[in-house]
C-alpha atoms as a PDB file:
ATOM      1  CA  MET A   1      29.374 -76.357  82.949  1.00  0.00           C
ATOM      2  CA  GLU A   2      27.267 -77.884  85.701  1.00  0.00           C
ATOM      3  CA  VAL A   3      24.866 -80.659  84.787  1.00  0.00           C
ATOM      4  CA  LYS A   4      22.307 -79.902  87.462  1.00  0.00           C
ATOM      5  CA  ARG A   5      19.895 -82.778  87.195  1.00  0.00           C
ATOM      6  CA  TYR A   6      21.576 -85.263  84.950  1.00  0.00           C
ATOM      7  CA  SER A   7      23.555 -88.423  85.423  1.00  0.00           C
ATOM      8  CA  SER A   8      27.225 -88.823  84.624  1.00  0.00           C
ATOM      9  CA  THR A   9      26.290 -90.004  81.105  1.00  0.00           C
ATOM     10  CA  LEU A  10      24.457 -88.140  78.336  1.00  0.00           C
ATOM     11  CA  TYR A  11      23.017 -90.000  75.361  1.00  0.00           C
ATOM     12  CA  LYS A  12      22.688 -89.549  71.617  1.00  0.00           C
ATOM     13  CA  TYR A  13      20.213 -91.755  69.752  1.00  0.00           C
ATOM     14  CA  ARG A  14      21.094 -92.770  66.213  1.00  0.00           C
ATOM     15  CA  ALA A  15      19.894 -94.904  63.308  1.00  0.00           C
ATOM     16  CA  PHE A  16      22.263 -97.116  61.337  1.00  0.00           C
ATOM     17  CA  ASN A  17      23.157 -94.599  58.626  1.00  0.00           C
ATOM     18  CA  ASP A  18      26.250 -92.618  57.646  1.00  0.00           C
ATOM     19  CA  GLN A  19      25.955 -90.209  60.582  1.00  0.00           C
ATOM     20  CA  GLY A  20      25.456 -93.094  62.976  1.00  0.00           C
ATOM     21  CA  PHE A  21      28.481 -95.051  61.776  1.00  0.00           C
ATOM     22  CA  ASN A  22      30.614 -91.881  61.712  1.00  0.00           C
ATOM     23  CA  LEU A  23      29.741 -91.308  65.350  1.00  0.00           C
ATOM     24  CA  LEU A  24      30.728 -94.863  66.277  1.00  0.00           C
ATOM     25  CA  GLY A  25      33.856 -95.110  64.169  1.00  0.00           C
ATOM     26  CA  LYS A  26      35.102 -91.536  63.883  1.00  0.00           C
ATOM     27  CA  ASN A  27      33.667 -89.859  67.016  1.00  0.00           C
ATOM     28  CA  GLU A  28      31.855 -87.347  64.783  1.00  0.00           C
ATOM     29  CA  VAL A  29      28.801 -85.436  65.998  1.00  0.00           C
ATOM     30  CA  PHE A  30      26.581 -83.272  63.811  1.00  0.00           C
ATOM     31  CA  PHE A  31      25.437 -79.800  64.894  1.00  0.00           C
ATOM     32  CA  SER A  32      22.147 -79.129  63.121  1.00  0.00           C
ATOM     33  CA  SER A  33      20.564 -75.811  62.228  1.00  0.00           C
ATOM     34  CA  PRO A  34      17.298 -75.280  64.175  1.00  0.00           C
ATOM     35  CA  ASN A  35      15.062 -75.838  61.152  1.00  0.00           C
ATOM     36  CA  ARG A  36      16.255 -79.451  60.961  1.00  0.00           C
ATOM     37  CA  LEU A  37      15.062 -80.220  64.495  1.00  0.00           C
ATOM     38  CA  ASN A  38      11.749 -82.007  64.960  1.00  0.00           C
ATOM     39  CA  ASP A  39      10.127 -79.306  67.098  1.00  0.00           C
ATOM     40  CA  PRO A  40       8.780 -76.702  64.622  1.00  0.00           C
ATOM     41  CA  LEU A  41       8.939 -74.013  67.331  1.00  0.00           C
ATOM     42  CA  ASP A  42      12.560 -74.646  68.256  1.00  0.00           C
ATOM     43  CA  CYS A  43      14.500 -71.361  68.653  1.00  0.00           C
ATOM     44  CA  LYS A  44      11.449 -69.374  67.542  1.00  0.00           C
ATOM     45  CA  LEU A  45      10.318 -67.668  70.731  1.00  0.00           C
ATOM     46  CA  PRO A  46       8.806 -64.255  70.003  1.00  0.00           C
ATOM     47  CA  LEU A  47      11.065 -61.261  70.499  1.00  0.00           C
ATOM     48  CA  LEU A  48       8.666 -58.536  71.605  1.00  0.00           C
ATOM     49  CA  TYR A  49      10.286 -55.556  69.929  1.00  0.00           C
ATOM     50  CA  GLU A  50       6.832 -54.051  69.418  1.00  0.00           C
ATOM     51  CA  LYS A  51       6.508 -53.573  73.198  1.00  0.00           C
ATOM     52  CA  GLY A  52       9.135 -50.863  73.296  1.00  0.00           C
ATOM     53  CA  THR A  53       8.844 -47.107  73.260  1.00  0.00           C
ATOM     54  CA  LEU A  54      10.270 -45.229  70.308  1.00  0.00           C
ATOM     55  CA  LYS A  55      13.413 -44.443  72.319  1.00  0.00           C
ATOM     56  CA  GLU A  56      13.831 -48.067  73.473  1.00  0.00           C
ATOM     57  CA  ILE A  57      13.510 -49.372  69.907  1.00  0.00           C
ATOM     58  CA  TYR A  58      16.049 -46.795  68.710  1.00  0.00           C
ATOM     59  CA  ASN A  59      18.536 -47.726  71.434  1.00  0.00           C
ATOM     60  CA  LYS A  60      18.193 -51.439  70.744  1.00  0.00           C
ATOM     61  CA  ASN A  61      18.687 -50.930  67.007  1.00  0.00           C
ATOM     62  CA  PHE A  62      21.769 -48.799  67.632  1.00  0.00           C
ATOM     63  CA  GLU A  63      23.166 -51.434  70.011  1.00  0.00           C
ATOM     64  CA  ASN A  64      22.584 -54.198  67.448  1.00  0.00           C
ATOM     65  CA  LEU A  65      24.260 -52.201  64.679  1.00  0.00           C
ATOM     66  CA  ASN A  66      27.378 -51.935  66.817  1.00  0.00           C
ATOM     67  CA  TYR A  67      27.681 -55.721  66.443  1.00  0.00           C
ATOM     68  CA  ILE A  68      26.442 -56.350  62.911  1.00  0.00           C
ATOM     69  CA  ALA A  69      27.760 -53.227  61.151  1.00  0.00           C
ATOM     70  CA  PRO A  70      30.810 -51.953  63.037  1.00  0.00           C
ATOM     71  CA  HIS A  71      32.215 -50.563  59.774  1.00  0.00           C
ATOM     72  CA  LEU A  72      29.593 -47.795  59.757  1.00  0.00           C
ATOM     73  CA  THR A  73      30.315 -44.460  61.358  1.00  0.00           C
ATOM     74  CA  ILE A  74      28.441 -43.464  64.497  1.00  0.00           C
ATOM     75  CA  GLU A  75      26.402 -40.933  62.537  1.00  0.00           C
ATOM     76  CA  GLU A  76      25.441 -43.556  59.946  1.00  0.00           C
ATOM     77  CA  ARG A  77      24.362 -45.952  62.687  1.00  0.00           C
ATOM     78  CA  LYS A  78      22.297 -43.211  64.316  1.00  0.00           C
ATOM     79  CA  LYS A  79      20.465 -42.420  61.060  1.00  0.00           C
ATOM     80  CA  ILE A  80      19.747 -46.076  60.306  1.00  0.00           C
ATOM     81  CA  SER A  81      18.626 -46.741  63.880  1.00  0.00           C
ATOM     82  CA  GLU A  82      16.285 -43.765  63.781  1.00  0.00           C
ATOM     83  CA  ARG A  83      14.764 -44.843  60.459  1.00  0.00           C
ATOM     84  CA  TRP A  84      14.260 -48.416  61.636  1.00  0.00           C
ATOM     85  CA  ALA A  85      12.835 -47.318  64.973  1.00  0.00           C
ATOM     86  CA  LYS A  86      10.265 -45.007  63.382  1.00  0.00           C
ATOM     87  CA  ASN A  87       9.173 -47.768  61.001  1.00  0.00           C
ATOM     88  CA  MET A  88       8.954 -50.427  63.723  1.00  0.00           C
ATOM     89  CA  TYR A  89       7.125 -48.109  66.106  1.00  0.00           C
ATOM     90  CA  ALA A  90       4.649 -46.966  63.463  1.00  0.00           C
ATOM     91  CA  ASN A  91       3.852 -50.584  62.568  1.00  0.00           C
ATOM     92  CA  ARG A  92       3.971 -52.078  66.075  1.00  0.00           C
ATOM     93  CA  ASP A  93       0.282 -53.027  65.948  1.00  0.00           C
ATOM     94  CA  ASN A  94       0.445 -54.543  62.464  1.00  0.00           C
ATOM     95  CA  PRO A  95       0.318 -58.350  62.937  1.00  0.00           C
ATOM     96  CA  VAL A  96       1.471 -59.074  59.379  1.00  0.00           C
ATOM     97  CA  LEU A  97       4.653 -57.014  59.709  1.00  0.00           C
ATOM     98  CA  THR A  98       5.283 -58.386  63.198  1.00  0.00           C
ATOM     99  CA  LYS A  99       5.035 -61.935  61.845  1.00  0.00           C
ATOM    100  CA  GLU A 100       7.443 -61.114  59.016  1.00  0.00           C
ATOM    101  CA  PHE A 101       9.899 -59.571  61.458  1.00  0.00           C
ATOM    102  CA  ARG A 102       9.868 -62.686  63.661  1.00  0.00           C
ATOM    103  CA  LYS A 103      10.309 -64.902  60.615  1.00  0.00           C
ATOM    104  CA  ASP A 104      13.398 -62.897  59.660  1.00  0.00           C
ATOM    105  CA  ILE A 105      14.845 -63.530  63.121  1.00  0.00           C
ATOM    106  CA  ALA A 106      14.133 -67.285  62.838  1.00  0.00           C
ATOM    107  CA  ASP A 107      15.758 -67.376  59.387  1.00  0.00           C
ATOM    108  CA  HIS A 108      18.809 -65.638  60.822  1.00  0.00           C
ATOM    109  CA  MET A 109      19.049 -68.232  63.611  1.00  0.00           C
ATOM    110  CA  ASN A 110      18.874 -71.061  61.056  1.00  0.00           C
ATOM    111  CA  LYS A 111      21.802 -69.572  59.172  1.00  0.00           C
ATOM    112  CA  THR A 112      24.039 -68.902  62.162  1.00  0.00           C
ATOM    113  CA  ILE A 113      23.743 -71.578  64.880  1.00  0.00           C
ATOM    114  CA  GLY A 114      24.260 -75.330  65.113  1.00  0.00           C
ATOM    115  CA  ILE A 115      22.722 -77.529  67.807  1.00  0.00           C
ATOM    116  CA  LEU A 116      23.622 -80.959  69.175  1.00  0.00           C
ATOM    117  CA  SER A 117      20.810 -82.491  71.245  1.00  0.00           C
ATOM    118  CA  LEU A 118      21.612 -85.052  73.932  1.00  0.00           C
ATOM    119  CA  SER A 119      19.436 -86.709  76.564  1.00  0.00           C
ATOM    120  CA  ALA A 120      19.795 -87.774  80.174  1.00  0.00           C
ATOM    121  CA  VAL A 121      17.544 -90.807  79.626  1.00  0.00           C
ATOM    122  CA  ASN A 122      18.390 -94.070  77.871  1.00  0.00           C
ATOM    123  CA  ASN A 123      15.290 -96.179  78.550  1.00  0.00           C
ATOM    124  CA  HIS A 124      12.318 -94.133  77.336  1.00  0.00           C
ATOM    125  CA  PRO A 125      10.413 -96.042  74.621  1.00  0.00           C
ATOM    126  CA  LEU A 126       9.460 -92.854  72.749  1.00  0.00           C
ATOM    127  CA  MET A 127      13.071 -91.721  72.552  1.00  0.00           C
ATOM    128  CA  TRP A 128      14.063 -95.065  71.073  1.00  0.00           C
ATOM    129  CA  SER A 129      11.138 -94.985  68.646  1.00  0.00           C
ATOM    130  CA  HIS A 130      11.548 -91.372  67.493  1.00  0.00           C
ATOM    131  CA  TYR A 131      15.322 -91.130  67.243  1.00  0.00           C
ATOM    132  CA  SER A 132      16.657 -94.613  66.518  1.00  0.00           C
ATOM    133  CA  ASN A 133      14.531 -95.764  63.590  1.00  0.00           C
ATOM    134  CA  SER A 134      11.697 -97.383  65.547  1.00  0.00           C
ATOM    135  CA  GLN A 135      14.032 -98.898  68.163  1.00  0.00           C
ATOM    136  CA  SER A 136      16.199-100.649  65.551  1.00  0.00           C
ATOM    137  CA  GLY A 137      19.134 -98.250  65.922  1.00  0.00           C
ATOM    138  CA  PHE A 138      21.461 -97.571  68.817  1.00  0.00           C
ATOM    139  CA  CYS A 139      22.325 -95.049  71.485  1.00  0.00           C
ATOM    140  CA  VAL A 140      25.779 -93.690  72.321  1.00  0.00           C
ATOM    141  CA  GLY A 141      26.615 -92.653  75.868  1.00  0.00           C
ATOM    142  CA  PHE A 142      28.974 -89.714  76.407  1.00  0.00           C
ATOM    143  CA  ASP A 143      30.959 -89.361  79.618  1.00  0.00           C
ATOM    144  CA  THR A 144      29.652 -86.014  80.860  1.00  0.00           C
ATOM    145  CA  GLN A 145      32.826 -84.957  82.623  1.00  0.00           C
ATOM    146  CA  LYS A 146      35.018 -85.735  79.618  1.00  0.00           C
ATOM    147  CA  LEU A 147      32.566 -83.980  77.331  1.00  0.00           C
ATOM    148  CA  ARG A 148      32.871 -80.879  79.510  1.00  0.00           C
ATOM    149  CA  GLN A 149      36.645 -81.063  79.283  1.00  0.00           C
ATOM    150  CA  PHE A 150      36.472 -81.411  75.508  1.00  0.00           C
ATOM    151  CA  ILE A 151      34.214 -78.344  75.206  1.00  0.00           C
ATOM    152  CA  ASP A 152      36.659 -76.322  77.281  1.00  0.00           C
ATOM    153  CA  LYS A 153      39.516 -77.463  75.036  1.00  0.00           C
ATOM    154  CA  VAL A 154      37.869 -76.544  71.729  1.00  0.00           C
ATOM    155  CA  PHE A 155      36.829 -73.204  73.224  1.00  0.00           C
ATOM    156  CA  MET A 156      40.501 -72.415  73.718  1.00  0.00           C
ATOM    157  CA  ASN A 157      41.034 -73.253  70.032  1.00  0.00           C
ATOM    158  CA  GLY A 158      38.313 -70.882  68.816  1.00  0.00           C
ATOM    159  CA  THR A 159      35.187 -73.076  68.665  1.00  0.00           C
ATOM    160  CA  HIS A 160      32.740 -71.454  71.076  1.00  0.00           C
ATOM    161  CA  ILE A 161      30.062 -73.838  72.326  1.00  0.00           C
ATOM    162  CA  LEU A 162      27.329 -72.907  74.779  1.00  0.00           C
ATOM    163  CA  HIS A 163      25.816 -75.799  76.717  1.00  0.00           C
ATOM    164  CA  ASN A 164      23.019 -76.233  79.203  1.00  0.00           C
ATOM    165  CA  TYR A 165      19.947 -78.255  79.973  1.00  0.00           C
ATOM    166  CA  VAL A 166      16.694 -77.315  78.246  1.00  0.00           C
ATOM    167  CA  ASP A 167      13.973 -75.670  80.332  1.00  0.00           C
ATOM    168  CA  TYR A 168      10.393 -76.710  79.613  1.00  0.00           C
ATOM    169  CA  TYR A 169       7.416 -74.338  79.810  1.00  0.00           C
ATOM    170  CA  SER A 170       3.652 -74.848  79.797  1.00  0.00           C
ATOM    171  CA  GLU A 171       3.291 -71.325  78.383  1.00  0.00           C
ATOM    172  CA  MET A 172       5.587 -69.788  75.775  1.00  0.00           C
ATOM    173  CA  PRO A 173       7.939 -67.295  77.418  1.00  0.00           C
ATOM    174  CA  GLY A 174       7.871 -63.887  75.799  1.00  0.00           C
ATOM    175  CA  ILE A 175      11.210 -62.156  75.416  1.00  0.00           C
ATOM    176  CA  ASN A 176      11.351 -58.449  76.097  1.00  0.00           C
ATOM    177  CA  PRO A 177      14.603 -57.165  74.552  1.00  0.00           C
ATOM    178  CA  TYR A 178      14.383 -53.961  76.599  1.00  0.00           C
ATOM    179  CA  THR A 179      14.401 -55.595  80.033  1.00  0.00           C
ATOM    180  CA  MET A 180      16.560 -58.684  79.363  1.00  0.00           C
ATOM    181  CA  SER A 181      20.279 -58.801  78.630  1.00  0.00           C
ATOM    182  CA  ASP A 182      21.422 -60.079  75.235  1.00  0.00           C
ATOM    183  CA  ASP A 183      22.967 -63.098  76.945  1.00  0.00           C
ATOM    184  CA  ILE A 184      19.693 -64.052  78.663  1.00  0.00           C
ATOM    185  CA  ILE A 185      17.721 -63.458  75.460  1.00  0.00           C
ATOM    186  CA  PHE A 186      19.964 -65.768  73.458  1.00  0.00           C
ATOM    187  CA  LYS A 187      19.989 -68.525  76.075  1.00  0.00           C
ATOM    188  CA  THR A 188      16.205 -68.331  76.464  1.00  0.00           C
ATOM    189  CA  MET A 189      15.749 -68.600  72.693  1.00  0.00           C
ATOM    190  CA  VAL A 190      18.009 -71.646  72.378  1.00  0.00           C
ATOM    191  CA  PHE A 191      17.416 -73.565  75.628  1.00  0.00           C
ATOM    192  CA  SER A 192      13.610 -73.424  75.945  1.00  0.00           C
ATOM    193  CA  LYS A 193      10.934 -75.854  74.753  1.00  0.00           C
ATOM    194  CA  SER A 194       7.291 -76.587  75.526  1.00  0.00           C
ATOM    195  CA  SER A 195       6.423 -78.959  78.362  1.00  0.00           C
ATOM    196  CA  PRO A 196       5.220 -81.879  76.151  1.00  0.00           C
ATOM    197  CA  TRP A 197       8.906 -82.403  75.257  1.00  0.00           C
ATOM    198  CA  ALA A 198       9.999 -82.662  78.882  1.00  0.00           C
ATOM    199  CA  TYR A 199      10.261 -86.456  78.784  1.00  0.00           C
ATOM    200  CA  GLU A 200      13.364 -86.049  76.605  1.00  0.00           C
ATOM    201  CA  GLU A 201      15.338 -84.428  79.462  1.00  0.00           C
ATOM    202  CA  GLU A 202      17.422 -82.714  76.810  1.00  0.00           C
ATOM    203  CA  TYR A 203      20.884 -81.327  77.302  1.00  0.00           C
ATOM    204  CA  ARG A 204      21.915 -79.119  74.411  1.00  0.00           C
ATOM    205  CA  LEU A 205      25.199 -77.962  72.913  1.00  0.00           C
ATOM    206  CA  MET A 206      25.059 -74.921  70.656  1.00  0.00           C
ATOM    207  CA  CYS A 207      27.704 -73.359  68.424  1.00  0.00           C
ATOM    208  CA  ALA A 208      26.895 -69.727  67.689  1.00  0.00           C
ATOM    209  CA  ASP A 209      28.620 -69.296  64.339  1.00  0.00           C
ATOM    210  CA  ARG A 210      28.288 -72.602  62.458  1.00  0.00           C
ATOM    211  CA  PRO A 211      25.064 -74.342  61.381  1.00  0.00           C
ATOM    212  CA  ASP A 212      25.123 -77.884  59.965  1.00  0.00           C
ATOM    213  CA  PHE A 213      28.712 -78.796  60.774  1.00  0.00           C
ATOM    214  CA  VAL A 214      30.595 -81.846  62.043  1.00  0.00           C
ATOM    215  CA  LEU A 215      32.791 -81.833  65.131  1.00  0.00           C
ATOM    216  CA  THR A 216      35.152 -84.682  66.025  1.00  0.00           C
ATOM    217  CA  LEU A 217      35.142 -85.538  69.718  1.00  0.00           C
ATOM    218  CA  ASP A 218      38.051 -86.943  71.664  1.00  0.00           C
ATOM    219  CA  SER A 219      37.704 -90.721  71.573  1.00  0.00           C
ATOM    220  CA  ASP A 220      37.451 -91.076  75.351  1.00  0.00           C
ATOM    221  CA  VAL A 221      34.244 -89.001  75.437  1.00  0.00           C
ATOM    222  CA  ILE A 222      32.293 -92.065  74.248  1.00  0.00           C
ATOM    223  CA  SER A 223      31.870 -94.459  77.163  1.00  0.00           C
ATOM    224  CA  ARG A 224      29.155 -96.901  76.062  1.00  0.00           C
ATOM    225  CA  VAL A 225      26.896 -98.046  73.251  1.00  0.00           C
ATOM    226  CA  LEU A 226      23.349 -99.360  73.682  1.00  0.00           C
ATOM    227  CA  LEU A 227      21.788-101.454  70.924  1.00  0.00           C
ATOM    228  CA  GLY A 228      18.075-100.923  70.358  1.00  0.00           C
ATOM    229  CA  PRO A 229      15.534-103.605  71.268  1.00  0.00           C
ATOM    230  CA  SER A 230      14.867-104.243  67.556  1.00  0.00           C
ATOM    231  CA  CYS A 231      18.483-103.992  66.382  1.00  0.00           C
ATOM    232  CA  ALA A 232      19.189-106.443  63.541  1.00  0.00           C
ATOM    233  CA  GLN A 233      21.871-109.075  64.037  1.00  0.00           C
ATOM    234  CA  ASP A 234      24.011-107.830  61.139  1.00  0.00           C
ATOM    235  CA  ASN A 235      24.045-104.291  62.574  1.00  0.00           C
ATOM    236  CA  LYS A 236      24.912-105.665  65.987  1.00  0.00           C
ATOM    237  CA  GLN A 237      27.903-107.422  64.433  1.00  0.00           C
ATOM    238  CA  LYS A 238      28.991-104.216  62.685  1.00  0.00           C
ATOM    239  CA  VAL A 239      28.949-102.384  66.016  1.00  0.00           C
ATOM    240  CA  VAL A 240      31.033-105.130  67.644  1.00  0.00           C
ATOM    241  CA  GLU A 241      33.594-104.899  64.839  1.00  0.00           C
ATOM    242  CA  ILE A 242      33.808-101.107  65.144  1.00  0.00           C
ATOM    243  CA  LEU A 243      34.213-101.233  68.913  1.00  0.00           C
ATOM    244  CA  ARG A 244      36.914-103.877  68.619  1.00  0.00           C
ATOM    245  CA  SER A 245      38.801-101.695  66.134  1.00  0.00           C
ATOM    246  CA  ARG A 246      38.556 -98.704  68.488  1.00  0.00           C
ATOM    247  CA  GLY A 247      40.455-100.560  71.186  1.00  0.00           C
ATOM    248  CA  ASP A 248      39.319 -98.240  73.991  1.00  0.00           C
ATOM    249  CA  ASN A 249      37.034-100.574  75.959  1.00  0.00           C
ATOM    250  CA  VAL A 250      33.721 -98.891  75.193  1.00  0.00           C
ATOM    251  CA  LEU A 251      30.968-100.756  77.050  1.00  0.00           C
ATOM    252  CA  LEU A 252      28.272-102.450  74.964  1.00  0.00           C
ATOM    253  CA  PHE A 253      24.715-103.263  76.028  1.00  0.00           C
ATOM    254  CA  GLN A 254      21.650-104.810  74.431  1.00  0.00           C
ATOM    255  CA  ALA A 255      18.326-103.110  75.216  1.00  0.00           C
ATOM    256  CA  PHE A 256      15.237-105.294  75.621  1.00  0.00           C
ATOM    257  CA  HIS A 257      11.605-104.979  76.700  1.00  0.00           C
ATOM    258  CA  LYS A 258      10.843-106.548  80.036  1.00  0.00           C
ATOM    259  CA  ASP A 259       8.198-109.256  80.150  1.00  0.00           C
ATOM    260  CA  LEU A 260       4.847-108.025  81.487  1.00  0.00           C
ATOM    261  CA  GLU A 261       6.160-104.470  81.993  1.00  0.00           C
ATOM    262  CA  TYR A 262       6.294-101.267  79.938  1.00  0.00           C
ATOM    263  CA  GLU A 263       9.981-100.868  80.581  1.00  0.00           C
ATOM    264  CA  ILE A 264      13.267-101.099  78.686  1.00  0.00           C
ATOM    265  CA  ALA A 265      16.213-102.771  80.413  1.00  0.00           C
ATOM    266  CA  PHE A 266      19.796-103.572  79.357  1.00  0.00           C
ATOM    267  CA  GLU A 267      22.101-106.576  79.295  1.00  0.00           C
ATOM    268  CA  LYS A 268      25.852-106.175  78.968  1.00  0.00           C
ATOM    269  CA  ILE A 269      27.533-107.758  75.942  1.00  0.00           C
ATOM    270  CA  GLU A 270      31.103-109.038  76.205  1.00  0.00           C
ATOM    271  CA  TYR A 271      32.748-108.603  72.813  1.00  0.00           C
ATOM    272  CA  GLU A 272      36.531-108.632  73.267  1.00  0.00           C
END
């Protein structure tokens, strides 16, 4: 994995709730299904199956059945592919059926993939407001290199995680399944968002076979914790106690708003 435009640290914003404390104390991260994400169009780019010829639709259906129904005989797959292709081709100009077909694809994505969203930025006021309970939460910094090593390790143990930065588009990219490889289609679906979200500078991890699941990171992946500008004193003390119990020298910082500037800065906290 090459982080092309990001710093050596990637960040996860959290509120002080069970998931937040589990991240701090247990190194647990939550991979969410797409329908839990705050962008309603996430992972819902249109697959333009209706753009194909009858033969192209048939071939794509037959190819898909090889993956989703390998128990069928070749003749059975041919018959099903032909029936589906004729139906899809006959209704290719029907907007209602096209919408239903795309909804089925989105529902399938929600049931099969889990996403962990990280960010390259730690000082954007909107990020703090949207993802850390109106700036009262905290932000955990992950060492990018150690995160890469962890992903490689769990891959060897059977947990397959794709990872890349998100590309942002002013116009929604259409996906032609007849001219794009399955790999490119999947990556475009998962790692694309509209340009208004570009300020997030998102880096995304995606597990292709498990929605809504928890993964425990190696403890050394977490390198620092940033307390929000409006973090309450009792929550600050809880964080200090957790970091002391970890015993791995995680850095701690307090975020604050600069005087006379629209900018968030940080001050290091010594807690040992």
